[in-house]
Every structure is written in C-alpha cells, then in structure tokens.
C-alpha cells in the first residue's frame, strides 16, 4: 500500500510512515493510520504554533481514551441525560431524571451523562453504578465527580467541550433532555442540528418535564411560533423530539425507536436501513407510497446485504430496506422509522 495523494512531501519520511503503519498490524486500516501519521508530520513541518499543537494533541488523546473505555460496551445501548447541574436533590426534575435512569437500566440500557451534580447525579443515581458512564468536563467551579460515578473506570474527564460532545453523539442511542440552562440549550440545539443535517444518525430525543412543569412546552411553543411559522425550520423537524412528563413513558419512547429499526448506513448513493424484523410486500408498498417524497428516484425496496457491509461484517444477518434518499429530509426519515416501529409487535412489556 502507498500513501498515494496524501503525503508529507518527503520520500524518506513517507517511507518511514508506511513502515510504522504496517508495524501496528492493522492491515485493513493502513490508509487511516498512515493519514493520521502524515497529518502529525505535516503539522510539525508547517510550523503550527505550540498552542495549536497542544489542542490537537489533547483532543486526540481524549478521544483515544474515550474509545478505549467504551470498547467493552459497544454491544450495549446507551441513553444520554442532559439537564442542569443547579437542580437540587429532591426537586421534581431531579426525581424525573432519576426515575428515567432507573427505567432504562431496568431494560439493560446504560446511562451516560455529565459527572457533576443536579440532573447529572440524578440520572446516574437512578441507573446505578454498573449501568452508568460519567462524561465529565473539567471546570474550575466543579471540583470532582458526583458520588454515583466517582472513582469508577467508566468516568471520563474532558478538557474540551467539543471532544466531550463528540463522545456523547457517537456513543448514545437515545437522549432525555430535562430542564437546564445555556449548556442544556446548547446540547439540545446542537443535537437537533446534527440530526436535521444528517451529520449524526437519527436517534430518539425525549423532552422530559416533571409533572406540571412548563419548561419544554414553552420551548416547543417558541419553536413553533418563531421558527416554524417563519419557515426557519420545517414543521416536520418537530418529529425529531417527543415531549412527556412521565419518566417511564420517556424511557419507553427511547426503547421503542429500536422495535423495528436497528441502524442505517449509506452504500454508494443509497441509504440502507437495517431492521430487527422482515417487512412484507404490503408494508413496503405502503412506505413507498407515503414517503416517496424522500426519494431522488426509484422505490423503497427490500435488499440483500451489500458487498460493502459484508466486507465489514456489518450487521450481516439483518433484513434490509434500500432507497435513494435525498439526504436532506431527515425529519421525514424519522417519520418513516416511526411508521416501521409502530407496525411491529410490542416487545418492551
């Protein structure tokens, strides 16, 4: 294998990089490994400032450590809880977050949240230590992790918000958002932006209020009156969230997203949905008629595993649907997934 177009420009260094890459034993990933090594050398040769080198170095180390911590738990689904650190134990929002965490753990999901106080502590308390990840951000006014994750090997400490967010978005299979401040709003809008634009896979997002609270109903009213009404977002985009004041219903909504749907992958120009069950001709025809607006051309159809998925040993046994998705109507795609899930027998009882 050669480095092809992405090189340092020094034949001797390029040859040494190829040798170093091969020495890792990752024969199937030599392209990625060599490109990362080339990037490092190019940063050095381009005289990037020390502050920028520190940023890249720290970010890479944080992500590498996160990957290693999560590796043993890749097969376990995980739900993220977002909300304020300022909410006190015993507050109705604290109770709701704790009950949501417990409901997810009862169905063998793990719960991820920050490692600070408030909603973060509540989610981890409900889930229990064995079912918890603490994704902490180092701040001068929060001295250590909460008691429910302190000294646990599943506690990760991040210097940067952006690497912490990458970890949440790449590892989570669902989200519960409870009342919070600027940080919670930042997490909510970034999550929805990433899903709206297809930069992260679709996942269930629950807006969880304690009973009688108006936090998320007022938020939804703002979205409808100031964003939807002005055509700044599509009316379909509200399909990306589900509001409730019942923690058990919130947990059920997150789990139900995977009743039929399992995962998705682009293969060439087509989107492939991997499923938990086979769909029959009538169901495919109904989907094709109702969601034809999502297609560039052609039809929604069942398909066999693609060569690319087979090569990667990527969910090879699952039934599949394939179609030429327009890559912009992600909220409508969420609606398609909901229709698939609603047609499946309930296995969460």
Protein backbone atom coordinates (compact mmCIF):
# COMPACT_ATOMS: atom_id res chain seq x y z
CA UNK A 1 0.00 0.00 0.00
CA UNK A 2 1.23 3.51 -0.76
CA UNK A 3 0.21 6.83 0.73
CA UNK A 4 -0.99 7.94 -2.71
CA UNK A 5 -2.14 11.56 -2.73
CA UNK A 6 -1.82 12.37 0.97
CA UNK A 7 1.90 12.61 1.67
CA UNK A 8 4.36 14.70 3.62
CA UNK A 9 6.35 15.59 0.51
CA UNK A 10 9.49 13.88 1.82
CA UNK A 11 10.05 10.42 0.32
CA UNK A 12 12.14 9.25 3.26
CA UNK A 13 9.57 10.32 5.85
CA UNK A 14 6.75 8.84 3.76
CA UNK A 15 8.52 5.50 3.58
CA UNK A 16 9.15 5.56 7.35
CA UNK A 17 5.47 6.33 7.97
CA UNK A 18 4.40 3.39 5.81
CA UNK A 19 6.74 1.10 7.76
CA UNK A 20 5.45 2.42 11.07
CA UNK A 21 1.85 1.98 9.97
CA UNK A 22 2.47 -1.63 8.94
CA UNK A 23 4.12 -2.34 12.28
CA UNK A 24 0.77 -1.79 14.03
CA UNK A 25 -0.61 -4.98 12.49
CA UNK A 26 -3.80 -3.19 11.36
CA UNK A 27 -3.56 -4.31 7.75
CA UNK A 28 -7.18 -3.43 6.99
CA UNK A 29 -6.82 0.13 8.29
CA UNK A 30 -3.43 1.18 6.96
CA UNK A 31 -4.96 4.03 4.97
CA UNK A 32 -6.41 5.69 8.09
CA UNK A 33 -3.33 5.09 10.23
CA UNK A 34 -0.95 6.46 7.63
CA UNK A 35 -3.10 9.55 7.08
CA UNK A 36 -3.11 10.31 10.82
CA UNK A 37 0.69 9.97 10.93
CA UNK A 38 1.08 12.14 7.84
CA UNK A 39 -1.12 14.80 9.44
CA UNK A 40 1.08 14.82 12.54
CA UNK A 41 4.25 15.26 10.49
CA UNK A 42 2.70 17.95 8.34
CA UNK A 43 1.60 19.87 11.43
CA UNK A 44 5.21 19.80 12.61
CA UNK A 45 6.73 20.76 9.25
CA UNK A 46 4.25 23.60 8.70
CA UNK A 47 5.41 25.26 11.92
CA UNK A 48 1.98 25.29 13.54
CA UNK A 49 2.09 27.16 16.84
CA UNK A 50 2.60 25.29 20.10
CA UNK A 51 -0.86 26.25 21.34
CA UNK A 52 -2.46 24.67 18.27
CA UNK A 53 -0.31 21.57 18.66
CA UNK A 54 -1.46 21.27 22.28
CA UNK A 55 -5.10 21.48 21.19
CA UNK A 56 -4.72 18.74 18.57
CA UNK A 57 -2.65 16.58 20.90
CA UNK A 58 -5.05 16.86 23.85
CA UNK A 59 -8.12 16.31 21.66
CA UNK A 60 -6.64 13.19 20.10
CA UNK A 61 -5.64 11.80 23.49
CA UNK A 62 -9.10 12.46 24.93
CA UNK A 63 -10.83 10.71 22.04
CA UNK A 64 -8.42 7.77 22.11
CA UNK A 65 -9.07 7.25 25.81
CA UNK A 66 -12.85 7.51 25.31
CA UNK A 67 -12.75 4.89 22.55
CA UNK A 68 -10.85 2.50 24.82
CA UNK A 69 -13.26 2.97 27.73
CA UNK A 70 -16.34 2.37 25.58
CA UNK A 71 -14.93 -0.56 23.60
CA UNK A 72 -16.11 -3.30 26.03
CA UNK A 73 -19.64 -1.85 25.93
CA UNK A 74 -20.13 -1.47 22.15
CA UNK A 75 -22.94 -4.03 22.10
CA UNK A 76 -24.89 -2.27 24.90
CA UNK A 77 -27.29 0.51 24.05
CA UNK A 78 -26.84 3.76 25.95
CA UNK A 79 -29.08 6.74 26.69
CA UNK A 80 -27.77 10.22 27.44
CA UNK A 81 -29.36 12.50 30.03
CA UNK A 82 -28.89 16.27 29.66
CA UNK A 83 -30.03 18.89 32.18
CA UNK A 84 -28.96 21.47 34.74
CA UNK A 85 -26.27 20.99 37.37
CA UNK A 86 -28.13 23.51 39.56
CA UNK A 87 -31.21 21.40 40.27
CA UNK A 88 -31.20 20.17 43.86
CA UNK A 89 -31.78 16.63 45.06
CA UNK A 90 -35.49 16.16 45.71
CA UNK A 91 -36.57 18.69 43.09
CA UNK A 92 -39.27 17.21 40.78
CA UNK A 93 -36.85 17.45 37.83
CA UNK A 94 -34.22 15.55 39.83
CA UNK A 95 -36.78 12.84 40.60
CA UNK A 96 -37.80 12.63 36.93
CA UNK A 97 -34.17 12.20 35.80
CA UNK A 98 -33.52 9.59 38.48
CA UNK A 99 -36.65 7.64 37.52
CA UNK A 100 -35.73 7.78 33.83
CA UNK A 101 -32.26 6.40 34.59
CA UNK A 102 -33.76 3.59 36.64
CA UNK A 103 -36.26 2.73 33.89
CA UNK A 104 -33.52 2.49 31.28
CA UNK A 105 -31.27 0.36 33.49
CA UNK A 106 -34.18 -1.98 34.21
CA UNK A 107 -34.16 -2.82 30.49
CA UNK A 108 -30.37 -3.30 30.41
CA UNK A 109 -29.56 0.05 28.85
CA UNK A 110 -26.67 2.10 30.19
CA UNK A 111 -26.99 5.80 31.04
CA UNK A 112 -24.48 8.49 30.09
CA UNK A 113 -24.44 12.00 31.47
CA UNK A 114 -22.07 14.52 32.93
CA UNK A 115 -20.45 13.64 36.23
CA UNK A 116 -21.47 16.78 38.09
CA UNK A 117 -24.38 17.50 40.44
CA UNK A 118 -28.07 18.10 39.69
CA UNK A 119 -29.67 16.28 36.76
CA UNK A 120 -26.37 14.51 36.05
CA UNK A 121 -26.20 12.99 39.52
CA UNK A 122 -29.90 12.08 39.32
CA UNK A 123 -29.54 10.14 36.07
CA UNK A 124 -26.59 8.16 37.39
CA UNK A 125 -28.22 7.55 40.75
CA UNK A 126 -31.24 6.04 39.00
CA UNK A 127 -29.21 3.88 36.65
CA UNK A 128 -26.80 2.62 39.29
CA UNK A 129 -23.02 2.46 39.01
CA UNK A 130 -22.90 -0.70 36.89
CA UNK A 131 -25.12 0.91 34.24
CA UNK A 132 -23.52 4.38 34.26
CA UNK A 133 -20.97 6.41 32.34
CA UNK A 134 -19.81 9.80 33.60
CA UNK A 135 -18.70 12.11 30.79
CA UNK A 136 -17.17 14.92 32.81
CA UNK A 137 -16.00 18.36 31.73
CA UNK A 138 -13.21 19.88 33.77
CA UNK A 139 -14.40 23.21 35.18
CA UNK A 140 -12.80 25.35 37.89
CA UNK A 141 -16.03 25.54 39.91
CA UNK A 142 -16.82 21.79 39.93
CA UNK A 143 -14.09 20.07 41.91
CA UNK A 144 -14.86 16.39 41.42
CA UNK A 145 -17.35 13.91 40.06
CA UNK A 146 -20.53 13.10 41.93
CA UNK A 147 -20.67 10.18 44.34
CA UNK A 148 -22.51 7.91 41.92
CA UNK A 149 -19.60 7.70 39.44
CA UNK A 150 -16.55 8.89 41.43
CA UNK A 151 -13.52 6.56 41.02
CA UNK A 152 -15.40 4.39 38.53
CA UNK A 153 -13.39 3.27 35.46
CA UNK A 154 -16.32 4.45 33.33
CA UNK A 155 -15.70 8.05 34.39
CA UNK A 156 -14.05 10.13 31.65
CA UNK A 157 -12.67 13.63 32.15
CA UNK A 158 -12.54 16.05 29.22
CA UNK A 159 -10.69 19.32 28.84
CA UNK A 160 -12.68 20.36 25.77
CA UNK A 161 -16.43 20.61 25.29
CA UNK A 162 -16.15 19.60 21.64
CA UNK A 163 -14.45 16.24 22.31
CA UNK A 164 -16.98 15.60 25.08
CA UNK A 165 -19.82 16.32 22.67
CA UNK A 166 -18.32 14.03 20.04
CA UNK A 167 -18.28 11.26 22.65
CA UNK A 168 -21.92 11.81 23.62
CA UNK A 169 -23.09 11.92 19.99
CA UNK A 170 -21.08 8.93 18.81
CA UNK A 171 -21.87 6.62 21.72
CA UNK A 172 -25.51 7.39 22.55
CA UNK A 173 -28.57 5.60 21.16
CA UNK A 174 -31.12 8.00 22.67
CA UNK A 175 -31.46 11.19 24.70
CA UNK A 176 -33.57 12.56 27.53
CA UNK A 177 -33.42 16.34 27.95
CA UNK A 178 -34.56 17.83 31.23
CA UNK A 179 -34.78 21.49 32.29
CA UNK A 180 -31.45 23.29 32.18
CA UNK A 181 -29.60 26.46 31.34
CA UNK A 182 -27.35 27.58 28.49
CA UNK A 183 -25.49 24.27 28.47
CA UNK A 184 -28.67 22.25 28.09
CA UNK A 185 -29.92 24.54 25.33
CA UNK A 186 -26.56 24.24 23.59
CA UNK A 187 -26.73 20.44 23.77
CA UNK A 188 -30.35 20.36 22.61
CA UNK A 189 -29.89 22.62 19.60
CA UNK A 190 -26.59 21.08 18.53
CA UNK A 191 -28.07 17.59 18.75
CA UNK A 192 -31.09 18.60 16.67
CA UNK A 193 -28.90 20.45 14.16
CA UNK A 194 -26.71 17.39 13.69
CA UNK A 195 -29.73 15.15 13.10
CA UNK A 196 -31.53 17.70 10.90
CA UNK A 197 -28.46 17.90 8.65
CA UNK A 198 -27.61 14.21 8.71
CA UNK A 199 -24.28 14.70 10.45
CA UNK A 200 -25.24 12.20 13.16
CA UNK A 201 -27.59 9.21 12.88
CA UNK A 202 -31.21 9.62 13.87
CA UNK A 203 -31.86 8.71 17.49
CA UNK A 204 -34.85 9.24 19.81
CA UNK A 205 -34.88 12.55 21.71
CA UNK A 206 -37.30 12.98 24.63
CA UNK A 207 -38.07 16.35 26.21
CA UNK A 208 -38.79 15.29 29.79
CA UNK A 209 -40.54 17.69 32.14
CA UNK A 210 -41.50 16.83 35.71
CA UNK A 211 -45.31 16.65 36.09
CA UNK A 212 -46.91 20.08 35.89
CA UNK A 213 -43.77 21.83 34.63
CA UNK A 214 -43.83 24.08 31.56
CA UNK A 215 -40.13 24.21 30.58
CA UNK A 216 -40.34 22.13 27.40
CA UNK A 217 -43.88 23.17 26.48
CA UNK A 218 -42.70 26.80 26.42
CA UNK A 219 -39.63 25.75 24.41
CA UNK A 220 -41.85 23.94 21.89
CA UNK A 221 -44.15 26.97 21.65
CA UNK A 222 -41.12 29.15 20.84
CA UNK A 223 -40.01 26.72 18.12
CA UNK A 224 -43.49 26.70 16.58
CA UNK A 225 -44.20 30.43 16.73
CA UNK A 226 -40.73 31.82 15.97
CA UNK A 227 -39.07 29.13 13.83
CA UNK A 228 -41.75 27.03 12.13
CA UNK A 229 -44.07 29.98 11.49
CA UNK A 230 -41.24 31.91 9.82
CA UNK A 231 -40.21 28.88 7.77
CA UNK A 232 -36.82 28.85 9.51
CA UNK A 233 -37.28 25.12 10.19
CA UNK A 234 -39.66 22.62 8.67
CA UNK A 235 -42.84 21.62 10.51
CA UNK A 236 -41.54 18.06 10.14
CA UNK A 237 -38.49 18.93 12.25
CA UNK A 238 -40.56 18.72 15.42
CA UNK A 239 -40.80 14.98 14.66
CA UNK A 240 -37.21 14.79 15.92
CA UNK A 241 -38.41 15.29 19.52
CA UNK A 242 -41.07 13.80 21.76
CA UNK A 243 -42.35 15.60 24.87
CA UNK A 244 -43.68 13.93 28.01
CA UNK A 245 -43.84 14.45 31.77
CA UNK A 246 -43.69 10.72 32.55
CA UNK A 247 -40.22 9.18 33.03
CA UNK A 248 -41.47 5.67 32.26
CA UNK A 249 -43.11 6.90 29.05
CA UNK A 250 -39.89 8.70 28.16
CA UNK A 251 -37.89 5.50 28.63
CA UNK A 252 -40.41 3.54 26.60
CA UNK A 253 -40.23 6.07 23.75
CA UNK A 254 -36.44 5.75 23.59
CA UNK A 255 -36.55 1.94 23.60
CA UNK A 256 -39.40 1.75 21.08
CA UNK A 257 -37.28 3.53 18.48
CA UNK A 258 -35.49 0.18 18.07
CA UNK A 259 -38.54 -2.09 17.83
CA UNK A 260 -38.08 -2.48 14.06
CA UNK A 261 -35.29 -0.06 13.20
CA UNK A 262 -31.76 -1.12 14.12
CA UNK A 263 -29.29 1.14 12.26
CA UNK A 264 -28.53 2.77 8.93
CA UNK A 265 -25.64 3.05 6.53
CA UNK A 266 -25.02 4.72 3.20
CA UNK A 267 -23.76 2.38 0.49
CA UNK A 268 -22.98 4.27 -2.69
CA UNK A 269 -25.93 6.54 -3.49
CA UNK A 270 -28.39 4.52 -1.43
CA UNK A 271 -29.41 4.54 2.20
CA UNK A 272 -29.71 1.09 3.74
CA UNK A 273 -31.89 0.61 6.83
CA UNK A 274 -31.01 -2.48 8.87
CA UNK A 275 -34.04 -3.90 10.68
CA UNK A 276 -34.99 -6.12 13.60
CA UNK A 277 -37.68 -7.89 11.56
CA UNK A 278 -38.62 -8.63 7.99
CA UNK A 279 -41.23 -6.40 6.33
CA UNK A 280 -43.67 -7.84 3.82
CA UNK A 281 -44.64 -6.61 0.36
CA UNK A 282 -47.70 -4.73 1.59
CA UNK A 283 -45.72 -2.83 4.21
CA UNK A 284 -43.02 -1.90 1.71
CA UNK A 285 -45.66 -0.68 -0.74
CA UNK A 286 -47.26 1.47 1.97
CA UNK A 287 -43.91 3.03 2.86
CA UNK A 288 -43.13 3.67 -0.79
CA UNK A 289 -46.45 5.43 -1.31
CA UNK A 290 -46.31 7.51 1.88
CA UNK A 291 -42.63 8.50 1.77
CA UNK A 292 -41.92 8.77 -1.94
CA UNK A 293 -41.03 12.44 -1.37
CA UNK A 294 -37.80 11.28 0.33
CA UNK A 295 -36.51 9.63 -2.83
CA UNK A 296 -34.32 11.05 -5.55
CA UNK A 297 -35.55 8.29 -7.84
CA UNK A 298 -36.64 4.67 -7.74
CA UNK A 299 -38.56 2.99 -4.92
CA UNK A 300 -38.20 1.77 -1.37
CA UNK A 301 -37.39 -1.92 -1.60
CA UNK A 302 -36.07 -4.86 0.35
CA UNK A 303 -32.49 -5.80 -0.39
CA UNK A 304 -29.83 -8.34 0.48
CA UNK A 305 -26.68 -7.40 2.33
CA UNK A 306 -24.42 -5.22 0.21
CA UNK A 307 -20.83 -6.23 -0.60
CA UNK A 308 -19.52 -3.27 1.43
CA UNK A 309 -21.44 -4.37 4.53
CA UNK A 310 -20.38 -7.99 4.04
CA UNK A 311 -16.74 -6.94 3.74
CA UNK A 312 -17.01 -5.03 7.02
CA UNK A 313 -19.05 -7.78 8.74
CA UNK A 314 -21.63 -5.07 9.42
CA UNK A 315 -24.95 -6.47 10.72
CA UNK A 316 -24.85 -9.19 8.09
CA UNK A 317 -27.87 -11.19 9.31
CA UNK A 318 -30.43 -8.39 9.45
CA UNK A 319 -33.27 -7.70 6.99
CA UNK A 320 -32.80 -4.53 4.98
CA UNK A 321 -34.56 -1.77 3.11
CA UNK A 322 -32.78 0.33 0.50
CA UNK A 323 -33.67 3.57 -1.30
CA UNK A 324 -32.08 6.58 -2.95
CA UNK A 325 -32.56 9.08 -0.12
CA UNK A 326 -32.34 12.81 -0.88
CA UNK A 327 -30.03 13.28 2.16
CA UNK A 328 -31.90 16.35 3.38
CA UNK A 329 -35.33 15.19 4.60
CA UNK A 330 -34.09 13.67 7.84
CA UNK A 331 -37.16 14.58 9.89
CA UNK A 332 -39.34 12.82 7.32
CA UNK A 333 -36.96 9.87 7.51
CA UNK A 334 -37.60 9.83 11.24
CA UNK A 335 -41.32 9.66 10.48
CA UNK A 336 -40.71 6.66 8.21
CA UNK A 337 -38.83 4.92 11.03
CA UNK A 338 -41.72 5.66 13.40
CA UNK A 339 -44.17 4.03 10.98
CA UNK A 340 -41.97 0.94 10.80
CA UNK A 341 -41.75 0.78 14.58
CA UNK A 342 -45.47 1.31 15.12
CA UNK A 343 -46.22 -1.68 12.89
CA UNK A 344 -44.08 -4.03 14.99
CA UNK A 345 -45.35 -6.12 17.89
CA UNK A 346 -44.53 -4.61 21.29
CA UNK A 347 -41.57 -6.43 22.84
CA UNK A 348 -40.88 -3.97 25.66
CA UNK A 349 -43.58 -5.11 28.06
